[in-house]
Amino acid sequence: MRATSFVGIVPKAMEPLKRVLVLAPTPFFADRGCHMHIAEQTYALQRRGLEPLIVTYHLGRDLPGLNIRRTVRVPWYRKLGPGPSWHKFYVDPLLLRTALRAARQFRPHIIHAHLHEGCVLGSVLRQQLGIPLLFDVQGSLTGELLAHRFPLAQPEFLRNAWYALERWIDHLPDVLVAQSTEMRQELLEKFRVPRERLFMAYDGVNTNVFRPGERDPYLVSRLGIPKDRKVIVYLGGLDAYKGVDALLDAFPEILRKVPEAFLLLMGYPREDHYRTRAEELGVAHAVRVTGKIAYEDAPRYLTLGDIAVAPKRSQTEANGKIYTYMACGLPTVAFDTVVNRDILGDLGVYVRPMEDTRGMGEAITELLRDDEKRREIAERVRERAVREYSWDTVAGRLIDAYEAARTLAIRGAHARSVPEVRSATSSTPKS
């Protein structure tokens, strides 16, 4: 599948890097983590002088300053939330058709594919047009299907088939970029990706937009947050897969121990479910479920918080909300996973995953009671976000990976077209 004509790929790879075709098989932009990742990456690449073109589904809203090409409209496909969908089996071929047309006009120097289906589509473009391919890995395909209880992934024999498919996909691109060391290890050990083709990019945050600030009086009033409350914020998908059930189930005990606690759940799609659940738990008076928050408004909402929570349990999937929490100077409670420790280091307040609701409640209670600890963590997490996770820093890592993909593509094309080149010595990119 990775075979590509030497004639097509070498001239394109020898040109200066400028145009990037971004494949996004998702309803971009829909104010959620994966989409924030794509948008901010694209803005950062623009600031570095590159010209990205995003090719995506017909759904979603346009963002100012981004060059976006969409598929034809499919009126009955309206799903904006995360997770697998049967509709992808026919929407993705439409995306491929759109991407082929766009690529022939745009003449990109590299393809930047998001999500596993994006990598598959990108490999077709790679074959057809001789353009190097980078795969931006944000998590395990099979892991996501299992977490969302997708029917075709439940029987064990089908689960094994999905793992085999995922391994095949991971070997299609010239280069892969991972968002955590645990994800990198899984790609190396479980999916056998060659080390020289695997790079660390991490996620990032716009530290000029997401920053500490005073509470917005208008939002305090509109949301009905009583004066002098200690506000716990969560911003992300509202789903058990994201750990929201564990957080809400822990809240009655938190409220019993810290009566001034207030929980702000921000996101979608199951707003009504969580409002009902708060009523059943007897804590609705101290919980607000806002529904979808526009990305542009997210900083104002996050500054309402005293602490933040990132309750997702995944051991390998990216956890982008933590970067925004850090940039806003929010002490963060999270499950103790390699992914979360990669981001927060010693500044996280960690809960062992097996402790679930009880551990989450205890950690949040302890942090709410310790004003000095909150102040100390707030200063240090902001500093770490600015130093290590600004999108401009991430863009630099991506450009290094782009150049490595172009180098490997030329080397592979030479090796396939001129067999004696195989014995030549050459340096490998630093992983």
Protein backbone atom coordinates (compact mmCIF):
# COMPACT_ATOMS: atom_id res chain seq x y z
CA MET A 1 0.00 0.00 0.00
CA ARG A 2 2.89 2.39 0.74
CA ALA A 3 4.45 1.97 -2.68
CA THR A 4 4.65 5.29 -4.51
CA SER A 5 6.09 6.30 -7.85
CA PHE A 6 9.60 7.73 -7.62
CA VAL A 7 8.80 10.23 -10.37
CA GLY A 8 5.86 11.72 -8.45
CA ILE A 9 7.22 12.02 -4.96
CA VAL A 10 10.77 13.29 -5.41
CA PRO A 11 10.12 16.60 -7.24
CA LYS A 12 7.37 17.52 -4.77
CA ALA A 13 9.54 16.66 -1.77
CA MET A 14 12.47 18.69 -3.14
CA GLU A 15 10.43 21.91 -3.31
CA PRO A 16 10.51 24.19 -0.22
CA LEU A 17 7.85 23.20 2.31
CA LYS A 18 4.90 25.56 2.01
CA ARG A 19 1.48 24.00 1.33
CA VAL A 20 -0.09 21.49 3.76
CA LEU A 21 -3.24 19.52 2.96
CA VAL A 22 -4.97 18.81 6.30
CA LEU A 23 -7.35 15.82 6.12
CA ALA A 24 -10.00 16.03 8.84
CA PRO A 25 -12.66 13.26 8.60
CA THR A 26 -14.86 14.89 11.20
CA PRO A 27 -17.57 17.62 11.30
CA PHE A 28 -15.04 20.43 11.78
CA PHE A 29 -15.49 22.80 13.62
CA ALA A 30 -17.79 21.66 16.43
CA ASP A 31 -16.24 23.12 19.60
CA ARG A 32 -14.64 19.95 20.96
CA GLY A 33 -11.16 18.72 21.75
CA CYS A 34 -10.13 17.10 18.48
CA HIS A 35 -11.33 20.13 16.54
CA MET A 36 -9.55 22.60 18.83
CA HIS A 37 -6.38 20.58 18.23
CA ILE A 38 -6.79 20.84 14.45
CA ALA A 39 -7.74 24.53 14.47
CA GLU A 40 -4.94 25.74 16.74
CA GLN A 41 -2.36 23.62 14.91
CA THR A 42 -3.47 25.23 11.67
CA TYR A 43 -3.30 28.77 13.03
CA ALA A 44 0.20 28.07 14.42
CA LEU A 45 1.39 26.68 11.07
CA GLN A 46 0.09 29.84 9.39
CA ARG A 47 2.12 31.94 11.83
CA ARG A 48 5.18 29.93 10.78
CA GLY A 49 4.61 30.90 7.15
CA LEU A 50 2.92 27.72 5.89
CA GLU A 51 -0.34 27.55 3.93
CA PRO A 52 -2.64 24.82 5.31
CA LEU A 53 -5.86 23.79 3.55
CA ILE A 54 -8.36 21.83 5.69
CA VAL A 55 -10.53 19.29 3.85
CA THR A 56 -13.43 18.11 6.00
CA TYR A 57 -17.10 17.09 6.17
CA HIS A 58 -20.01 19.31 5.15
CA LEU A 59 -20.97 19.72 8.81
CA GLY A 60 -19.43 22.20 11.22
CA ARG A 61 -18.81 25.91 11.25
CA ASP A 62 -16.09 27.91 9.53
CA LEU A 63 -13.48 29.71 11.62
CA PRO A 64 -12.03 33.08 10.61
CA GLY A 65 -8.73 32.94 8.78
CA LEU A 66 -8.83 29.21 7.99
CA ASN A 67 -8.93 27.88 4.42
CA ILE A 68 -11.55 25.09 4.46
CA ARG A 69 -12.87 22.85 1.68
CA ARG A 70 -15.98 20.76 2.43
CA THR A 71 -17.69 17.71 0.97
CA VAL A 72 -21.08 17.90 -0.69
CA ARG A 73 -23.92 18.25 1.81
CA VAL A 74 -25.54 15.10 3.19
CA PRO A 75 -28.77 16.48 4.72
CA TRP A 76 -29.55 13.54 7.01
CA TYR A 77 -26.07 13.33 8.56
CA ARG A 78 -26.09 15.80 11.47
CA LYS A 79 -23.93 14.19 14.16
CA LEU A 80 -21.52 16.71 15.68
CA GLY A 81 -20.50 14.80 18.82
CA PRO A 82 -17.51 12.48 19.18
CA GLY A 83 -17.50 8.73 18.62
CA PRO A 84 -17.96 6.27 15.74
CA SER A 85 -20.82 6.58 13.25
CA TRP A 86 -22.25 4.28 10.58
CA HIS A 87 -22.49 7.30 8.30
CA LYS A 88 -18.70 7.41 7.95
CA PHE A 89 -18.83 4.39 5.64
CA TYR A 90 -20.24 6.59 2.87
CA VAL A 91 -19.20 10.10 4.00
CA ASP A 92 -15.48 9.25 3.97
CA PRO A 93 -15.52 8.27 0.24
CA LEU A 94 -17.09 11.67 -0.41
CA LEU A 95 -14.25 13.24 1.57
CA LEU A 96 -11.69 11.34 -0.51
CA ARG A 97 -13.25 12.64 -3.70
CA THR A 98 -13.20 16.21 -2.35
CA ALA A 99 -9.59 15.83 -1.16
CA LEU A 100 -8.41 14.53 -4.56
CA ARG A 101 -9.95 17.49 -6.33
CA ALA A 102 -8.57 19.94 -3.79
CA ALA A 103 -5.08 18.40 -3.91
CA ARG A 104 -4.86 18.64 -7.70
CA GLN A 105 -5.64 22.36 -7.49
CA PHE A 106 -3.73 23.14 -4.28
CA ARG A 107 -0.58 21.08 -5.09
CA PRO A 108 0.39 20.39 -1.45
CA HIS A 109 3.89 19.50 -0.36
CA ILE A 110 2.67 17.24 2.44
CA ILE A 111 -0.54 15.60 3.66
CA HIS A 112 -1.33 15.95 7.37
CA ALA A 113 -3.97 13.32 8.22
CA HIS A 114 -6.02 13.32 11.42
CA LEU A 115 -7.73 10.19 12.78
CA HIS A 116 -7.22 6.69 11.43
CA GLU A 117 -9.70 7.02 8.60
CA GLY A 118 -7.89 10.19 7.59
CA CYS A 119 -4.67 8.22 7.39
CA VAL A 120 -6.32 5.67 5.07
CA LEU A 121 -7.65 8.42 2.81
CA GLY A 122 -4.26 10.15 2.93
CA SER A 123 -2.51 6.97 1.80
CA VAL A 124 -4.72 6.92 -1.32
CA LEU A 125 -3.73 10.53 -2.06
CA ARG A 126 -0.11 9.58 -1.43
CA GLN A 127 -0.32 6.83 -4.02
CA GLN A 128 -2.24 8.88 -6.57
CA LEU A 129 -0.28 12.11 -6.31
CA GLY A 130 3.11 11.21 -4.84
CA ILE A 131 2.83 13.41 -1.75
CA PRO A 132 4.45 12.48 1.60
CA LEU A 133 2.01 11.57 4.37
CA LEU A 134 2.09 12.43 8.09
CA PHE A 135 -0.41 10.78 10.46
CA ASP A 136 -1.38 12.77 13.58
CA VAL A 137 -2.30 10.04 16.10
CA GLN A 138 -4.66 11.22 18.83
CA GLY A 139 -5.56 7.81 20.23
CA SER A 140 -6.21 4.15 19.46
CA LEU A 141 -8.89 3.37 16.86
CA THR A 142 -9.84 0.10 18.55
CA GLY A 143 -9.71 1.68 21.99
CA GLU A 144 -12.18 4.37 20.93
CA LEU A 145 -14.57 1.83 19.38
CA LEU A 146 -14.52 -0.23 22.58
CA ALA A 147 -14.96 2.83 24.79
CA HIS A 148 -18.02 3.90 22.78
CA ARG A 149 -19.32 0.29 22.71
CA PHE A 150 -19.51 0.20 18.94
CA PRO A 151 -21.37 -3.05 18.07
CA LEU A 152 -18.85 -4.21 15.45
CA ALA A 153 -16.03 -4.11 18.02
CA GLN A 154 -17.66 -6.07 20.85
CA PRO A 155 -17.13 -9.76 19.87
CA GLU A 156 -13.54 -10.81 20.57
CA PHE A 157 -12.85 -12.05 17.04
CA LEU A 158 -13.96 -8.68 15.62
CA ARG A 159 -11.93 -6.84 18.23
CA ASN A 160 -8.84 -8.71 17.05
CA ALA A 161 -9.71 -7.81 13.47
CA TRP A 162 -9.89 -4.12 14.41
CA TYR A 163 -6.48 -4.32 16.09
CA ALA A 164 -5.06 -5.90 12.92
CA LEU A 165 -6.63 -3.16 10.81
CA GLU A 166 -5.26 -0.49 13.14
CA ARG A 167 -1.75 -1.94 12.88
CA TRP A 168 -2.03 -1.94 9.07
CA ILE A 169 -3.14 1.71 9.09
CA ASP A 170 -0.28 2.72 11.39
CA HIS A 171 2.20 1.42 8.80
CA LEU A 172 0.78 3.45 5.89
CA PRO A 173 2.27 6.94 6.47
CA ASP A 174 5.84 8.13 6.08
CA VAL A 175 5.80 9.59 9.59
CA LEU A 176 3.52 9.46 12.65
CA VAL A 177 3.32 12.05 15.43
CA ALA A 178 2.12 11.03 18.92
CA GLN A 179 0.64 13.17 21.69
CA SER A 180 1.99 11.27 24.72
CA THR A 181 4.85 8.95 25.64
CA GLU A 182 2.36 6.18 26.44
CA MET A 183 0.84 6.53 22.96
CA ARG A 184 4.34 6.40 21.52
CA GLN A 185 5.13 3.21 23.44
CA GLU A 186 1.91 1.57 22.25
CA LEU A 187 2.71 2.43 18.65
CA LEU A 188 6.21 1.01 19.04
CA GLU A 189 5.41 -2.15 20.98
CA LYS A 190 1.83 -3.10 20.14
CA PHE A 191 1.59 -1.85 16.58
CA ARG A 192 5.29 -2.29 15.66
CA VAL A 193 5.79 1.14 14.10
CA PRO A 194 9.48 1.66 13.17
CA ARG A 195 11.14 4.00 15.65
CA GLU A 196 12.64 6.29 12.99
CA ARG A 197 9.15 7.09 11.66
CA LEU A 198 7.66 8.09 15.01
CA PHE A 199 7.87 11.61 16.46
CA MET A 200 6.54 13.36 19.56
CA ALA A 201 4.42 16.47 18.95
CA TYR A 202 2.27 16.71 22.07
CA ASP A 203 -0.83 18.87 22.12
CA GLY A 204 -0.83 22.59 22.82
CA VAL A 205 -2.77 25.64 23.91
CA ASN A 206 -3.06 29.26 22.82
CA THR A 207 -1.61 30.85 25.93
CA ASN A 208 -2.49 34.36 24.70
CA VAL A 209 -6.20 33.49 24.62
CA PHE A 210 -6.41 31.01 27.51
CA ARG A 211 -5.03 32.85 30.53
CA PRO A 212 -5.97 33.59 34.16
CA GLY A 213 -8.54 36.35 34.69
CA GLU A 214 -11.27 37.70 36.91
CA ARG A 215 -14.69 36.08 36.94
CA ASP A 216 -17.08 37.60 34.41
CA PRO A 217 -19.96 39.12 36.47
CA TYR A 218 -22.37 38.60 33.56
CA LEU A 219 -21.65 34.86 33.42
CA VAL A 220 -21.81 34.53 37.21
CA SER A 221 -25.26 36.11 37.16
CA ARG A 222 -26.52 34.22 34.09
CA LEU A 223 -25.44 30.85 35.45
CA GLY A 224 -26.77 31.59 38.93
CA ILE A 225 -23.49 30.95 40.73
CA PRO A 226 -23.92 32.14 44.35
CA LYS A 227 -21.35 34.47 45.84
CA ASP A 228 -18.24 33.01 47.52
CA ARG A 229 -18.66 29.55 46.00
CA LYS A 230 -15.64 27.38 45.18
CA VAL A 231 -16.28 26.44 41.57
CA ILE A 232 -15.19 23.14 40.02
CA VAL A 233 -15.08 23.36 36.22
CA TYR A 234 -15.19 20.64 33.57
CA LEU A 235 -15.12 21.53 29.86
CA GLY A 236 -15.45 18.70 27.33
CA GLY A 237 -17.69 15.96 26.02
CA LEU A 238 -20.56 15.00 28.32
CA ASP A 239 -20.34 11.23 28.27
CA ALA A 240 -19.47 8.34 30.57
CA TYR A 241 -16.48 7.65 28.29
CA LYS A 242 -15.08 11.05 29.32
CA GLY A 243 -15.47 10.24 33.03
CA VAL A 244 -18.34 12.68 33.64
CA ASP A 245 -20.41 10.02 35.44
CA ALA A 246 -17.63 9.46 37.98
CA LEU A 247 -17.29 13.20 38.55
CA LEU A 248 -21.01 13.82 39.06
CA ASP A 249 -21.45 10.74 41.25
CA ALA A 250 -18.62 11.99 43.46
CA PHE A 251 -20.17 15.42 43.91
CA PRO A 252 -22.75 14.68 46.68
CA GLU A 253 -19.95 13.63 49.04
CA ILE A 254 -17.84 16.63 47.99
CA LEU A 255 -20.78 18.94 48.72
CA ARG A 256 -21.35 17.34 52.12
CA LYS A 257 -17.72 18.04 53.12
CA VAL A 258 -17.36 21.39 51.32
CA PRO A 259 -20.83 23.04 51.37
CA GLU A 260 -19.59 26.02 49.33
CA ALA A 261 -18.61 23.76 46.39
CA PHE A 262 -20.27 24.37 43.02
CA LEU A 263 -19.93 22.18 39.90
CA LEU A 264 -19.95 23.65 36.40
CA LEU A 265 -20.30 21.00 33.65
CA MET A 266 -19.68 22.57 30.23
CA GLY A 267 -20.13 20.67 26.99
CA TYR A 268 -22.42 18.38 25.06
CA PRO A 269 -24.15 16.14 23.85
CA ARG A 270 -26.03 14.60 26.84
CA GLU A 271 -26.92 17.76 28.76
CA ASP A 272 -30.43 16.66 29.75
CA HIS A 273 -29.17 13.30 31.03
CA TYR A 274 -26.73 14.99 33.42
CA ARG A 275 -29.24 17.57 34.58
CA THR A 276 -31.62 14.73 35.44
CA ARG A 277 -28.82 12.82 37.16
CA ALA A 278 -27.95 15.87 39.29
CA GLU A 279 -31.59 16.06 40.40
CA GLU A 280 -31.60 12.34 41.25
CA LEU A 281 -28.47 12.82 43.37
CA GLY A 282 -30.04 15.79 45.17
CA VAL A 283 -27.32 18.26 44.09
CA ALA A 284 -29.04 20.15 41.25
CA HIS A 285 -28.98 23.37 43.29
CA ALA A 286 -25.15 23.30 43.18
CA VAL A 287 -24.67 22.03 39.60
CA ARG A 288 -25.00 23.87 36.30
CA VAL A 289 -24.92 22.03 32.96
CA THR A 290 -24.35 24.74 30.37
CA GLY A 291 -24.53 22.81 27.11
CA LYS A 292 -22.16 23.54 24.23
CA ILE A 293 -19.67 26.35 24.80
CA ALA A 294 -18.26 28.08 21.72
CA TYR A 295 -14.48 27.75 21.60
CA GLU A 296 -14.15 31.52 21.49
CA ASP A 297 -16.07 31.79 24.78
CA ALA A 298 -14.26 28.98 26.58
CA PRO A 299 -11.62 31.19 28.30
CA ARG A 300 -14.34 33.35 29.93
CA TYR A 301 -16.10 30.26 31.27
CA LEU A 302 -12.92 28.59 32.54
CA THR A 303 -11.95 31.66 34.56
CA LEU A 304 -15.09 31.06 36.63
CA GLY A 305 -13.32 28.06 38.17
CA ASP A 306 -11.20 27.63 41.26
CA ILE A 307 -10.12 24.15 40.19
CA ALA A 308 -10.64 21.95 37.12
CA VAL A 309 -11.22 18.23 36.60
CA ALA A 310 -10.07 15.96 33.76
CA PRO A 311 -11.77 12.64 34.59
CA LYS A 312 -11.02 10.68 31.39
CA ARG A 313 -9.44 7.29 32.18
CA SER A 314 -7.85 6.45 28.80
CA GLN A 315 -4.24 5.32 29.14
CA THR A 316 -3.15 6.47 25.66
CA GLU A 317 -5.66 8.95 24.20
CA ALA A 318 -4.77 12.64 24.18
CA ASN A 319 -6.35 14.80 26.92
CA GLY A 320 -6.29 18.27 25.38
CA LYS A 321 -8.52 19.96 27.94
CA ILE A 322 -5.69 19.81 30.49
CA TYR A 323 -3.59 22.21 28.42
CA THR A 324 -6.36 24.82 28.48
CA TYR A 325 -6.83 24.32 32.22
CA MET A 326 -3.10 24.89 32.76
CA ALA A 327 -3.00 28.02 30.61
CA CYS A 328 -5.86 29.45 32.70
CA GLY A 329 -3.92 28.71 35.89
CA LEU A 330 -6.37 26.07 37.13
CA PRO A 331 -5.15 23.38 39.56
CA THR A 332 -6.33 20.12 38.00
CA VAL A 333 -7.57 16.81 39.41
CA ALA A 334 -7.03 13.91 37.00
CA PHE A 335 -6.69 10.15 36.96
CA ASP A 336 -3.14 8.94 37.38
CA THR A 337 -2.26 7.91 33.81
CA VAL A 338 0.96 8.29 31.84
CA VAL A 339 -0.83 10.67 29.46
CA ASN A 340 -1.87 13.01 32.28
CA ARG A 341 1.54 12.85 33.99
CA ASP A 342 3.18 13.66 30.65
CA ILE A 343 1.26 16.93 30.60
CA LEU A 344 1.00 17.95 34.25
CA GLY A 345 4.15 16.38 35.67
CA ASP A 346 4.32 16.90 39.43
CA LEU A 347 1.70 19.66 39.27
CA GLY A 348 -1.31 17.35 38.93
CA VAL A 349 -3.56 16.19 41.76
CA TYR A 350 -3.88 12.52 40.86
CA VAL A 351 -6.43 9.81 41.49
CA ARG A 352 -5.72 6.13 40.95
CA PRO A 353 -8.04 4.92 38.13
CA MET A 354 -9.29 1.97 40.18
CA GLU A 355 -10.48 4.31 42.95
CA ASP A 356 -12.93 5.91 40.54
CA THR A 357 -15.70 7.93 42.23
CA ARG A 358 -14.46 7.74 45.83
CA GLY A 359 -10.90 8.72 44.94
CA MET A 360 -12.09 11.52 42.68
CA GLY A 361 -14.26 12.93 45.48
CA GLU A 362 -11.48 12.80 48.06
CA ALA A 363 -8.93 14.48 45.77
CA ILE A 364 -11.32 17.31 44.84
CA THR A 365 -12.34 17.82 48.48
CA GLU A 366 -8.71 18.03 49.63
CA LEU A 367 -7.83 20.55 46.93
CA LEU A 368 -10.86 22.75 47.63
CA ARG A 369 -9.92 22.89 51.32
CA ASP A 370 -6.26 23.83 50.69
CA ASP A 371 -6.19 27.46 49.51
CA GLU A 372 -2.38 27.72 49.68
CA LYS A 373 -1.85 24.61 47.57
CA ARG A 374 -4.27 25.90 44.93
CA ARG A 375 -2.44 29.23 44.69
CA GLU A 376 0.96 27.56 44.38
CA ILE A 377 -0.18 25.12 41.67
CA ALA A 378 -2.01 27.88 39.76
CA GLU A 379 1.17 29.91 39.25
CA ARG A 380 3.30 26.93 38.27
CA VAL A 381 0.88 25.31 35.80
CA ARG A 382 0.51 28.59 33.93
CA GLU A 383 4.29 28.92 33.68
CA ARG A 384 4.61 25.35 32.40
CA ALA A 385 1.91 25.88 29.77
CA VAL A 386 3.62 28.99 28.40
CA ARG A 387 7.08 27.40 28.45
CA GLU A 388 6.31 23.97 26.98
CA TYR A 389 2.87 23.85 25.38
CA SER A 390 2.35 26.98 23.33
CA TRP A 391 1.10 26.14 19.83
CA ASP A 392 4.10 27.88 18.29
CA THR A 393 6.36 25.36 20.04
CA VAL A 394 4.17 22.49 18.82
CA ALA A 395 4.24 23.89 15.26
CA GLY A 396 8.03 23.75 15.32
CA ARG A 397 7.90 20.05 16.22
CA LEU A 398 5.38 19.44 13.42
CA ILE A 399 7.55 21.17 10.82
CA ASP A 400 10.49 18.98 11.87
CA ALA A 401 8.24 15.92 11.39
CA TYR A 402 7.08 17.22 7.98
CA GLU A 403 10.68 17.53 6.82
CA ALA A 404 11.43 14.05 8.13
CA ALA A 405 8.46 12.66 6.19
CA ARG A 406 9.75 14.31 3.02
CA THR A 407 13.23 12.90 3.60
CA LEU A 408 11.92 9.39 4.27
CA ALA A 409 9.63 9.59 1.24
CA ILE A 410 12.58 10.43 -1.03
CA ARG A 411 14.69 7.71 0.55
CA GLY A 412 11.92 5.14 0.13
CA ALA A 413 11.30 6.17 -3.46
CA HIS A 414 15.01 5.83 -4.24
CA ALA A 415 15.15 2.43 -2.57
CA ARG A 416 12.21 1.13 -4.58
CA SER A 417 13.33 2.59 -7.90
CA VAL A 418 17.10 2.09 -7.66
CA PRO A 419 17.86 -1.10 -5.69
CA GLU A 420 21.55 -0.34 -5.14
CA VAL A 421 20.63 2.73 -3.08
CA ARG A 422 19.50 0.34 -0.30
CA SER A 423 23.08 -0.24 0.76
CA ALA A 424 23.94 3.45 1.01
CA THR A 425 24.39 4.88 4.51
CA SER A 426 22.16 7.74 5.54
CA SER A 427 21.17 9.39 8.79
CA THR A 428 17.75 8.76 10.30
CA PRO A 429 15.67 11.51 11.81
CA LYS A 430 15.83 11.92 15.54
CA SER A 431 12.76 10.43 17.23
